[in-house]
Amino acid sequence: MNDRNFTRSDVHIMDYIGEPAMLEMAAEECVELSHALLKLSRIERKENPTPVTREEAFKNIREEWTDVFLCCADELGLSVDWNQKEMKRQRFEKRWEEAHEVHD
């Protein structure tokens, strides 16, 4: 190695593969996360049996979420819009309340 102080934060995948390929990678990781979530939902519903255990499924979800969050979101400079998150929470609460008023 040379004299340069090299750290992992110096490495950016997008510098090597470009933005279009990084977007494709992000999409693929999101699909893998979706599959992992669907697998856990099958386990939770106890329908459409799978040989994967709940613990394995949750481990896979965590792994795929990490890939999406760290590898893709970080590389693409994405972050959470906290205002949007709050507005969505408020809309959900309103719909929930309205749905329960109809059933009461």
PDB file of N, CA and C in Angstrom:
ATOM      1  N   MET A   1       0.842  -1.190   0.000  1.00  0.00           N
ATOM      2  CA  MET A   1       0.000   0.000   0.000  1.00  0.00           C
ATOM      3  C   MET A   1       0.880   1.244   0.000  1.00  0.00           C
ATOM      4  N   ASN A   2       0.285   2.337  -0.461  1.00  0.00           N
ATOM      5  CA  ASN A   2       1.023   3.595  -0.447  1.00  0.00           C
ATOM      6  C   ASN A   2       0.847   4.285   0.900  1.00  0.00           C
ATOM      7  N   ASP A   3       1.338   5.495   0.989  1.00  0.00           N
ATOM      8  CA  ASP A   3       1.291   6.235   2.256  1.00  0.00           C
ATOM      9  C   ASP A   3      -0.082   6.813   2.572  1.00  0.00           C
ATOM     10  N   ARG A   4      -0.987   6.767   1.619  1.00  0.00           N
ATOM     11  CA  ARG A   4      -2.315   7.353   1.816  1.00  0.00           C
ATOM     12  C   ARG A   4      -3.056   6.601   2.918  1.00  0.00           C
ATOM     13  N   ASN A   5      -3.715   7.325   3.800  1.00  0.00           N
ATOM     14  CA  ASN A   5      -4.552   6.704   4.830  1.00  0.00           C
ATOM     15  C   ASN A   5      -5.856   6.290   4.169  1.00  0.00           C
ATOM     16  N   PHE A   6      -6.024   5.019   4.003  1.00  0.00           N
ATOM     17  CA  PHE A   6      -7.181   4.480   3.291  1.00  0.00           C
ATOM     18  C   PHE A   6      -8.195   3.964   4.293  1.00  0.00           C
ATOM     19  N   THR A   7      -9.454   4.387   4.146  1.00  0.00           N
ATOM     20  CA  THR A   7     -10.529   3.879   4.997  1.00  0.00           C
ATOM     21  C   THR A   7     -11.650   3.397   4.108  1.00  0.00           C
ATOM     22  N   ARG A   8     -12.529   2.574   4.667  1.00  0.00           N
ATOM     23  CA  ARG A   8     -13.666   2.062   3.912  1.00  0.00           C
ATOM     24  C   ARG A   8     -14.556   3.199   3.419  1.00  0.00           C
ATOM     25  N   SER A   9     -14.622   4.286   4.161  1.00  0.00           N
ATOM     26  CA  SER A   9     -15.484   5.391   3.734  1.00  0.00           C
ATOM     27  C   SER A   9     -14.969   6.058   2.464  1.00  0.00           C
ATOM     28  N   ASP A  10     -13.702   5.778   2.094  1.00  0.00           N
ATOM     29  CA  ASP A  10     -13.153   6.311   0.857  1.00  0.00           C
ATOM     30  C   ASP A  10     -13.661   5.552  -0.361  1.00  0.00           C
ATOM     31  N   VAL A  11     -14.214   4.381  -0.151  1.00  0.00           N
ATOM     32  CA  VAL A  11     -14.647   3.534  -1.256  1.00  0.00           C
ATOM     33  C   VAL A  11     -16.114   3.800  -1.547  1.00  0.00           C
ATOM     34  N   HIS A  12     -16.407   4.172  -2.784  1.00  0.00           N
ATOM     35  CA  HIS A  12     -17.781   4.397  -3.205  1.00  0.00           C
ATOM     36  C   HIS A  12     -18.034   3.559  -4.449  1.00  0.00           C
ATOM     37  N   ILE A  13     -18.944   2.619  -4.321  1.00  0.00           N
ATOM     38  CA  ILE A  13     -19.246   1.702  -5.417  1.00  0.00           C
ATOM     39  C   ILE A  13     -19.631   2.475  -6.665  1.00  0.00           C
ATOM     40  N   MET A  14     -20.417   3.530  -6.493  1.00  0.00           N
ATOM     41  CA  MET A  14     -20.919   4.282  -7.634  1.00  0.00           C
ATOM     42  C   MET A  14     -19.775   4.893  -8.446  1.00  0.00           C
ATOM     43  N   ASP A  15     -18.647   5.188  -7.798  1.00  0.00           N
ATOM     44  CA  ASP A  15     -17.500   5.709  -8.530  1.00  0.00           C
ATOM     45  C   ASP A  15     -16.985   4.686  -9.540  1.00  0.00           C
ATOM     46  N   TYR A  16     -17.222   3.422  -9.261  1.00  0.00           N
ATOM     47  CA  TYR A  16     -16.716   2.359 -10.134  1.00  0.00           C
ATOM     48  C   TYR A  16     -17.748   1.887 -11.149  1.00  0.00           C
ATOM     49  N   ILE A  17     -19.011   1.854 -10.747  1.00  0.00           N
ATOM     50  CA  ILE A  17     -20.024   1.277 -11.637  1.00  0.00           C
ATOM     51  C   ILE A  17     -20.934   2.315 -12.278  1.00  0.00           C
ATOM     52  N   GLY A  18     -20.939   3.533 -11.777  1.00  0.00           N
ATOM     53  CA  GLY A  18     -21.774   4.594 -12.334  1.00  0.00           C
ATOM     54  C   GLY A  18     -23.175   4.607 -11.728  1.00  0.00           C
ATOM     55  N   GLU A  19     -23.854   5.730 -11.892  1.00  0.00           N
ATOM     56  CA  GLU A  19     -25.185   5.899 -11.294  1.00  0.00           C
ATOM     57  C   GLU A  19     -26.236   4.959 -11.872  1.00  0.00           C
ATOM     58  N   PRO A  20     -26.317   4.764 -13.204  1.00  0.00           N
ATOM     59  CA  PRO A  20     -27.346   3.846 -13.708  1.00  0.00           C
ATOM     60  C   PRO A  20     -27.214   2.440 -13.115  1.00  0.00           C
ATOM     61  N   ALA A  21     -25.996   1.926 -13.026  1.00  0.00           N
ATOM     62  CA  ALA A  21     -25.793   0.598 -12.451  1.00  0.00           C
ATOM     63  C   ALA A  21     -26.105   0.600 -10.952  1.00  0.00           C
ATOM     64  N   MET A  22     -25.821   1.720 -10.275  1.00  0.00           N
ATOM     65  CA  MET A  22     -26.137   1.816  -8.845  1.00  0.00           C
ATOM     66  C   MET A  22     -27.647   1.798  -8.647  1.00  0.00           C
ATOM     67  N   LEU A  23     -28.389   2.464  -9.519  1.00  0.00           N
ATOM     68  CA  LEU A  23     -29.850   2.447  -9.446  1.00  0.00           C
ATOM     69  C   LEU A  23     -30.386   1.035  -9.683  1.00  0.00           C
ATOM     70  N   GLU A  24     -29.797   0.329 -10.635  1.00  0.00           N
ATOM     71  CA  GLU A  24     -30.194  -1.065 -10.878  1.00  0.00           C
ATOM     72  C   GLU A  24     -29.905  -1.925  -9.654  1.00  0.00           C
ATOM     73  N   MET A  25     -28.743  -1.713  -9.052  1.00  0.00           N
ATOM     74  CA  MET A  25     -28.379  -2.466  -7.850  1.00  0.00           C
ATOM     75  C   MET A  25     -29.370  -2.177  -6.722  1.00  0.00           C
ATOM     76  N   ALA A  26     -29.745  -0.910  -6.557  1.00  0.00           N
ATOM     77  CA  ALA A  26     -30.711  -0.530  -5.520  1.00  0.00           C
ATOM     78  C   ALA A  26     -32.042  -1.233  -5.764  1.00  0.00           C
ATOM     79  N   ALA A  27     -32.493  -1.250  -7.007  1.00  0.00           N
ATOM     80  CA  ALA A  27     -33.762  -1.914  -7.336  1.00  0.00           C
ATOM     81  C   ALA A  27     -33.686  -3.400  -7.033  1.00  0.00           C
ATOM     82  N   GLU A  28     -32.587  -4.038  -7.395  1.00  0.00           N
ATOM     83  CA  GLU A  28     -32.421  -5.471  -7.128  1.00  0.00           C
ATOM     84  C   GLU A  28     -32.412  -5.756  -5.626  1.00  0.00           C
ATOM     85  N   GLU A  29     -31.747  -4.908  -4.851  1.00  0.00           N
ATOM     86  CA  GLU A  29     -31.723  -5.098  -3.401  1.00  0.00           C
ATOM     87  C   GLU A  29     -33.117  -4.898  -2.804  1.00  0.00           C
ATOM     88  N   CYS A  30     -33.882  -3.954  -3.340  1.00  0.00           N
ATOM     89  CA  CYS A  30     -35.255  -3.752  -2.863  1.00  0.00           C
ATOM     90  C   CYS A  30     -36.118  -4.980  -3.149  1.00  0.00           C
ATOM     91  N   VAL A  31     -35.919  -5.590  -4.305  1.00  0.00           N
ATOM     92  CA  VAL A  31     -36.660  -6.812  -4.639  1.00  0.00           C
ATOM     93  C   VAL A  31     -36.293  -7.927  -3.668  1.00  0.00           C
ATOM     94  N   GLU A  32     -35.000  -8.066  -3.356  1.00  0.00           N
ATOM     95  CA  GLU A  32     -34.574  -9.098  -2.413  1.00  0.00           C
ATOM     96  C   GLU A  32     -35.166  -8.850  -1.022  1.00  0.00           C
ATOM     97  N   LEU A  33     -35.242  -7.589  -0.619  1.00  0.00           N
ATOM     98  CA  LEU A  33     -35.881  -7.251   0.655  1.00  0.00           C
ATOM     99  C   LEU A  33     -37.355  -7.615   0.611  1.00  0.00           C
ATOM    100  N   SER A  34     -38.022  -7.337  -0.489  1.00  0.00           N
ATOM    101  CA  SER A  34     -39.439  -7.696  -0.638  1.00  0.00           C
ATOM    102  C   SER A  34     -39.635  -9.200  -0.507  1.00  0.00           C
ATOM    103  N   HIS A  35     -38.783  -9.962  -1.145  1.00  0.00           N
ATOM    104  CA  HIS A  35     -38.889 -11.425  -1.057  1.00  0.00           C
ATOM    105  C   HIS A  35     -38.700 -11.903   0.378  1.00  0.00           C
ATOM    106  N   ALA A  36     -37.741 -11.330   1.079  1.00  0.00           N
ATOM    107  CA  ALA A  36     -37.503 -11.724   2.467  1.00  0.00           C
ATOM    108  C   ALA A  36     -38.712 -11.386   3.343  1.00  0.00           C
ATOM    109  N   LEU A  37     -39.326 -10.231   3.113  1.00  0.00           N
ATOM    110  CA  LEU A  37     -40.517  -9.844   3.876  1.00  0.00           C
ATOM    111  C   LEU A  37     -41.698 -10.763   3.572  1.00  0.00           C
ATOM    112  N   LEU A  38     -41.855 -11.111   2.303  1.00  0.00           N
ATOM    113  CA  LEU A  38     -42.935 -12.028   1.926  1.00  0.00           C
ATOM    114  C   LEU A  38     -42.739 -13.399   2.566  1.00  0.00           C
ATOM    115  N   LYS A  39     -41.510 -13.846   2.656  1.00  0.00           N
ATOM    116  CA  LYS A  39     -41.225 -15.140   3.280  1.00  0.00           C
ATOM    117  C   LYS A  39     -41.656 -15.123   4.743  1.00  0.00           C
ATOM    118  N   LEU A  40     -41.332 -14.039   5.461  1.00  0.00           N
ATOM    119  CA  LEU A  40     -41.743 -13.945   6.863  1.00  0.00           C
ATOM    120  C   LEU A  40     -43.256 -13.867   6.979  1.00  0.00           C
ATOM    121  N   SER A  41     -43.925 -13.197   6.057  1.00  0.00           N
ATOM    122  CA  SER A  41     -45.390 -13.121   6.139  1.00  0.00           C
ATOM    123  C   SER A  41     -46.003 -14.505   5.965  1.00  0.00           C
ATOM    124  N   ARG A  42     -45.420 -15.344   5.108  1.00  0.00           N
ATOM    125  CA  ARG A  42     -45.900 -16.722   4.953  1.00  0.00           C
ATOM    126  C   ARG A  42     -45.754 -17.483   6.274  1.00  0.00           C
ATOM    127  N   ILE A  43     -44.646 -17.269   6.946  1.00  0.00           N
ATOM    128  CA  ILE A  43     -44.408 -17.938   8.232  1.00  0.00           C
ATOM    129  C   ILE A  43     -45.405 -17.455   9.271  1.00  0.00           C
ATOM    130  N   GLU A  44     -45.619 -16.151   9.335  1.00  0.00           N
ATOM    131  CA  GLU A  44     -46.527 -15.574  10.333  1.00  0.00           C
ATOM    132  C   GLU A  44     -47.974 -16.016  10.117  1.00  0.00           C
ATOM    133  N   ARG A  45     -48.410 -16.112   8.858  1.00  0.00           N
ATOM    134  CA  ARG A  45     -49.794 -16.527   8.570  1.00  0.00           C
ATOM    135  C   ARG A  45     -49.992 -18.031   8.711  1.00  0.00           C
ATOM    136  N   LYS A  46     -48.896 -18.777   8.679  1.00  0.00           N
ATOM    137  CA  LYS A  46     -48.952 -20.240   8.740  1.00  0.00           C
ATOM    138  C   LYS A  46     -49.722 -20.807   7.540  1.00  0.00           C
ATOM    139  N   GLU A  47     -49.586 -20.125   6.415  1.00  0.00           N
ATOM    140  CA  GLU A  47     -50.152 -20.578   5.152  1.00  0.00           C
ATOM    141  C   GLU A  47     -48.994 -20.737   4.184  1.00  0.00           C
ATOM    142  N   ASN A  48     -49.171 -21.562   3.171  1.00  0.00           N
ATOM    143  CA  ASN A  48     -48.137 -21.720   2.158  1.00  0.00           C
ATOM    144  C   ASN A  48     -46.785 -21.996   2.821  1.00  0.00           C
ATOM    145  N   PRO A  49     -46.640 -23.155   3.460  1.00  0.00           N
ATOM    146  CA  PRO A  49     -45.467 -23.466   4.285  1.00  0.00           C
ATOM    147  C   PRO A  49     -44.134 -23.275   3.559  1.00  0.00           C
ATOM    148  N   THR A  50     -43.137 -22.950   4.344  1.00  0.00           N
ATOM    149  CA  THR A  50     -41.775 -22.779   3.853  1.00  0.00           C
ATOM    150  C   THR A  50     -40.820 -23.454   4.840  1.00  0.00           C
ATOM    151  N   PRO A  51     -39.727 -24.024   4.366  1.00  0.00           N
ATOM    152  CA  PRO A  51     -38.771 -24.649   5.283  1.00  0.00           C
ATOM    153  C   PRO A  51     -37.948 -23.623   6.071  1.00  0.00           C
ATOM    154  N   VAL A  52     -38.037 -22.359   5.715  1.00  0.00           N
ATOM    155  CA  VAL A  52     -37.279 -21.313   6.406  1.00  0.00           C
ATOM    156  C   VAL A  52     -37.916 -21.048   7.774  1.00  0.00           C
ATOM    157  N   THR A  53     -37.091 -20.957   8.805  1.00  0.00           N
ATOM    158  CA  THR A  53     -37.601 -20.645  10.148  1.00  0.00           C
ATOM    159  C   THR A  53     -37.822 -19.143  10.285  1.00  0.00           C
ATOM    160  N   ARG A  54     -38.583 -18.770  11.308  1.00  0.00           N
ATOM    161  CA  ARG A  54     -38.827 -17.348  11.568  1.00  0.00           C
ATOM    162  C   ARG A  54     -37.507 -16.621  11.803  1.00  0.00           C
ATOM    163  N   GLU A  55     -36.616 -17.246  12.552  1.00  0.00           N
ATOM    164  CA  GLU A  55     -35.325 -16.633  12.850  1.00  0.00           C
ATOM    165  C   GLU A  55     -34.504 -16.424  11.573  1.00  0.00           C
ATOM    166  N   GLU A  56     -34.506 -17.427  10.692  1.00  0.00           N
ATOM    167  CA  GLU A  56     -33.782 -17.299   9.424  1.00  0.00           C
ATOM    168  C   GLU A  56     -34.400 -16.194   8.561  1.00  0.00           C
ATOM    169  N   ALA A  57     -35.712 -16.161   8.540  1.00  0.00           N
ATOM    170  CA  ALA A  57     -36.403 -15.152   7.734  1.00  0.00           C
ATOM    171  C   ALA A  57     -36.079 -13.751   8.240  1.00  0.00           C
ATOM    172  N   PHE A  58     -36.104 -13.574   9.551  1.00  0.00           N
ATOM    173  CA  PHE A  58     -35.802 -12.262  10.112  1.00  0.00           C
ATOM    174  C   PHE A  58     -34.347 -11.880   9.847  1.00  0.00           C
ATOM    175  N   LYS A  59     -33.452 -12.859   9.940  1.00  0.00           N
ATOM    176  CA  LYS A  59     -32.039 -12.611   9.629  1.00  0.00           C
ATOM    177  C   LYS A  59     -31.892 -12.165   8.177  1.00  0.00           C
ATOM    178  N   ASN A  60     -32.623 -12.809   7.268  1.00  0.00           N
ATOM    179  CA  ASN A  60     -32.577 -12.430   5.856  1.00  0.00           C
ATOM    180  C   ASN A  60     -33.130 -11.023   5.642  1.00  0.00           C
ATOM    181  N   ILE A  61     -34.198 -10.671   6.354  1.00  0.00           N
ATOM    182  CA  ILE A  61     -34.755  -9.319   6.249  1.00  0.00           C
ATOM    183  C   ILE A  61     -33.719  -8.297   6.685  1.00  0.00           C
ATOM    184  N   ARG A  62     -33.089  -8.565   7.805  1.00  0.00           N
ATOM    185  CA  ARG A  62     -32.077  -7.624   8.316  1.00  0.00           C
ATOM    186  C   ARG A  62     -30.925  -7.468   7.319  1.00  0.00           C
ATOM    187  N   GLU A  63     -30.487  -8.580   6.749  1.00  0.00           N
ATOM    188  CA  GLU A  63     -29.396  -8.536   5.773  1.00  0.00           C
ATOM    189  C   GLU A  63     -29.789  -7.718   4.546  1.00  0.00           C
ATOM    190  N   GLU A  64     -30.988  -7.960   4.032  1.00  0.00           N
ATOM    191  CA  GLU A  64     -31.428  -7.241   2.836  1.00  0.00           C
ATOM    192  C   GLU A  64     -31.688  -5.770   3.140  1.00  0.00           C
ATOM    193  N   TRP A  65     -32.240  -5.473   4.324  1.00  0.00           N
ATOM    194  CA  TRP A  65     -32.451  -4.077   4.712  1.00  0.00           C
ATOM    195  C   TRP A  65     -31.104  -3.361   4.801  1.00  0.00           C
ATOM    196  N   THR A  66     -30.115  -4.039   5.350  1.00  0.00           N
ATOM    197  CA  THR A  66     -28.778  -3.455   5.441  1.00  0.00           C
ATOM    198  C   THR A  66     -28.232  -3.161   4.054  1.00  0.00           C
ATOM    199  N   ASP A  67     -28.428  -4.105   3.123  1.00  0.00           N
ATOM    200  CA  ASP A  67     -27.969  -3.881   1.752  1.00  0.00           C
ATOM    201  C   ASP A  67     -28.651  -2.663   1.140  1.00  0.00           C
ATOM    202  N   VAL A  68     -29.962  -2.574   1.312  1.00  0.00           N
ATOM    203  CA  VAL A  68     -30.698  -1.436   0.751  1.00  0.00           C
ATOM    204  C   VAL A  68     -30.222  -0.139   1.397  1.00  0.00           C
ATOM    205  N   PHE A  69     -30.170  -0.135   2.710  1.00  0.00           N
ATOM    206  CA  PHE A  69     -29.866   1.098   3.436  1.00  0.00           C
ATOM    207  C   PHE A  69     -28.420   1.532   3.260  1.00  0.00           C
ATOM    208  N   LEU A  70     -27.487   0.641   3.559  1.00  0.00           N
ATOM    209  CA  LEU A  70     -26.087   1.035   3.527  1.00  0.00           C
ATOM    210  C   LEU A  70     -25.512   1.079   2.124  1.00  0.00           C
ATOM    211  N   CYS A  71     -25.706   0.012   1.393  1.00  0.00           N
ATOM    212  CA  CYS A  71     -25.085  -0.063   0.074  1.00  0.00           C
ATOM    213  C   CYS A  71     -25.727   0.893  -0.912  1.00  0.00           C
ATOM    214  N   CYS A  72     -27.040   0.961  -0.889  1.00  0.00           N
ATOM    215  CA  CYS A  72     -27.733   1.714  -1.934  1.00  0.00           C
ATOM    216  C   CYS A  72     -28.108   3.120  -1.501  1.00  0.00           C
ATOM    217  N   ALA A  73     -28.834   3.245  -0.428  1.00  0.00           N
ATOM    218  CA  ALA A  73     -29.284   4.571  -0.005  1.00  0.00           C
ATOM    219  C   ALA A  73     -28.097   5.471   0.304  1.00  0.00           C
ATOM    220  N   ASP A  74     -27.105   4.944   0.982  1.00  0.00           N
ATOM    221  CA  ASP A  74     -25.931   5.732   1.321  1.00  0.00           C
ATOM    222  C   ASP A  74     -25.175   6.133   0.063  1.00  0.00           C
ATOM    223  N   GLU A  75     -24.981   5.194  -0.840  1.00  0.00           N
ATOM    224  CA  GLU A  75     -24.271   5.471  -2.088  1.00  0.00           C
ATOM    225  C   GLU A  75     -25.011   6.511  -2.930  1.00  0.00           C
ATOM    226  N   LEU A  76     -26.328   6.454  -2.944  1.00  0.00           N
ATOM    227  CA  LEU A  76     -27.124   7.372  -3.760  1.00  0.00           C
ATOM    228  C   LEU A  76     -27.431   8.683  -3.037  1.00  0.00           C
ATOM    229  N   GLY A  77     -26.990   8.777  -1.788  1.00  0.00           N
ATOM    230  CA  GLY A  77     -27.216   9.995  -1.028  1.00  0.00           C
ATOM    231  C   GLY A  77     -28.656  10.186  -0.607  1.00  0.00           C
ATOM    232  N   LEU A  78     -29.385   9.082  -0.420  1.00  0.00           N
ATOM    233  CA  LEU A  78     -30.788   9.162  -0.019  1.00  0.00           C
ATOM    234  C   LEU A  78     -30.899   9.234   1.498  1.00  0.00           C
ATOM    235  N   SER A  79     -31.878   9.957   1.956  1.00  0.00           N
ATOM    236  CA  SER A  79     -32.138  10.032   3.390  1.00  0.00           C
ATOM    237  C   SER A  79     -33.641  10.107   3.609  1.00  0.00           C
ATOM    238  N   VAL A  80     -34.041   9.963   4.838  1.00  0.00           N
ATOM    239  CA  VAL A  80     -35.458  10.013   5.188  1.00  0.00           C
ATOM    240  C   VAL A  80     -35.919  11.463   5.199  1.00  0.00           C
ATOM    241  N   ASP A  81     -37.072  11.707   4.617  1.00  0.00           N
ATOM    242  CA  ASP A  81     -37.724  13.009   4.701  1.00  0.00           C
ATOM    243  C   ASP A  81     -38.637  12.931   5.923  1.00  0.00           C
ATOM    244  N   TRP A  82     -38.169  13.465   7.050  1.00  0.00           N
ATOM    245  CA  TRP A  82     -38.896  13.315   8.318  1.00  0.00           C
ATOM    246  C   TRP A  82     -40.236  14.026   8.283  1.00  0.00           C
ATOM    247  N   ASN A  83     -40.352  15.117   7.540  1.00  0.00           N
ATOM    248  CA  ASN A  83     -41.641  15.801   7.414  1.00  0.00           C
ATOM    249  C   ASN A  83     -42.634  14.914   6.671  1.00  0.00           C
ATOM    250  N   GLN A  84     -42.174  14.288   5.593  1.00  0.00           N
ATOM    251  CA  GLN A  84     -43.039  13.381   4.847  1.00  0.00           C
ATOM    252  C   GLN A  84     -43.455  12.196   5.711  1.00  0.00           C
ATOM    253  N   LYS A  85     -42.524  11.686   6.496  1.00  0.00           N
ATOM    254  CA  LYS A  85     -42.834  10.563   7.390  1.00  0.00           C
ATOM    255  C   LYS A  85     -43.944  10.958   8.361  1.00  0.00           C
ATOM    256  N   GLU A  86     -43.859  12.136   8.928  1.00  0.00           N
ATOM    257  CA  GLU A  86     -44.873  12.597   9.881  1.00  0.00           C
ATOM    258  C   GLU A  86     -46.222  12.796   9.192  1.00  0.00           C
ATOM    259  N   MET A  87     -46.217  13.357   7.996  1.00  0.00           N
ATOM    260  CA  MET A  87     -47.469  13.551   7.265  1.00  0.00           C
ATOM    261  C   MET A  87     -48.115  12.205   6.945  1.00  0.00           C
ATOM    262  N   LYS A  88     -47.321  11.215   6.571  1.00  0.00           N
ATOM    263  CA  LYS A  88     -47.859   9.879   6.292  1.00  0.00           C
ATOM    264  C   LYS A  88     -48.433   9.249   7.559  1.00  0.00           C
ATOM    265  N   ARG A  89     -47.748   9.440   8.683  1.00  0.00           N
ATOM    266  CA  ARG A  89     -48.245   8.894   9.943  1.00  0.00           C
ATOM    267  C   ARG A  89     -49.598   9.510  10.287  1.00  0.00           C
ATOM    268  N   GLN A  90     -49.718  10.808  10.102  1.00  0.00           N
ATOM    269  CA  GLN A  90     -50.974  11.492  10.399  1.00  0.00           C
ATOM    270  C   GLN A  90     -52.097  11.017   9.473  1.00  0.00           C
ATOM    271  N   ARG A  91     -51.797  10.832   8.184  1.00  0.00           N
ATOM    272  CA  ARG A  91     -52.810  10.323   7.245  1.00  0.00           C
ATOM    273  C   ARG A  91     -53.243   8.919   7.636  1.00  0.00           C
ATOM    274  N   PHE A  92     -52.297   8.084   8.039  1.00  0.00           N
ATOM    275  CA  PHE A  92     -52.627   6.725   8.450  1.00  0.00           C
ATOM    276  C   PHE A  92     -53.534   6.748   9.675  1.00  0.00           C
ATOM    277  N   GLU A  93     -53.185   7.571  10.665  1.00  0.00           N
ATOM    278  CA  GLU A  93     -54.009   7.662  11.878  1.00  0.00           C
ATOM    279  C   GLU A  93     -55.422   8.119  11.542  1.00  0.00           C
ATOM    280  N   LYS A  94     -55.555   9.084  10.646  1.00  0.00           N
ATOM    281  CA  LYS A  94     -56.878   9.578  10.254  1.00  0.00           C
ATOM    282  C   LYS A  94     -57.688   8.471   9.581  1.00  0.00           C
ATOM    283  N   ARG A  95     -57.064   7.749   8.646  1.00  0.00           N
ATOM    284  CA  ARG A  95     -57.765   6.637   7.975  1.00  0.00           C
ATOM    285  C   ARG A  95     -58.153   5.564   8.985  1.00  0.00           C
ATOM    286  N   TRP A  96     -57.273   5.272   9.914  1.00  0.00           N
ATOM    287  CA  TRP A  96     -57.539   4.265  10.931  1.00  0.00           C
ATOM    288  C   TRP A  96     -58.739   4.669  11.779  1.00  0.00           C
ATOM    289  N   GLU A  97     -58.762   5.918  12.212  1.00  0.00           N
ATOM    290  CA  GLU A  97     -59.862   6.429  13.021  1.00  0.00           C
ATOM    291  C   GLU A  97     -61.176   6.404  12.238  1.00  0.00           C
ATOM    292  N   GLU A  98     -61.133   6.821  10.973  1.00  0.00           N
ATOM    293  CA  GLU A  98     -62.329   6.817  10.140  1.00  0.00           C
ATOM    294  C   GLU A  98     -62.841   5.412   9.912  1.00  0.00           C
ATOM    295  N   ALA A  99     -61.952   4.475   9.720  1.00  0.00           N
ATOM    296  CA  ALA A  99     -62.359   3.071   9.513  1.00  0.00           C
ATOM    297  C   ALA A  99     -63.015   2.520  10.768  1.00  0.00           C
ATOM    298  N   HIS A 100     -62.518   2.881  11.924  1.00  0.00           N
ATOM    299  CA  HIS A 100     -63.103   2.379  13.177  1.00  0.00           C
ATOM    300  C   HIS A 100     -64.421   3.073  13.506  1.00  0.00           C
ATOM    301  N   GLU A 101     -64.589   4.299  13.069  1.00  0.00           N
ATOM    302  CA  GLU A 101     -65.862   4.983  13.269  1.00  0.00           C
ATOM    303  C   GLU A 101     -66.960   4.315  12.459  1.00  0.00           C
ATOM    304  N   VAL A 102     -66.632   3.865  11.263  1.00  0.00           N
ATOM    305  CA  VAL A 102     -67.601   3.189  10.397  1.00  0.00           C
ATOM    306  C   VAL A 102     -68.052   1.874  11.013  1.00  0.00           C
ATOM    307  N   HIS A 103     -67.141   1.168  11.668  1.00  0.00           N
ATOM    308  CA  HIS A 103     -67.446  -0.146  12.239  1.00  0.00           C
ATOM    309  C   HIS A 103     -68.055  -0.073  13.639  1.00  0.00           C
ATOM    310  N   ASP A 104     -68.012   1.084  14.242  1.00  0.00           N
ATOM    311  CA  ASP A 104     -68.568   1.209  15.621  1.00  0.00           C
ATOM    312  C   ASP A 104     -70.050   1.429  15.593  1.00  0.00           C
TER     313      ASP A 104
END
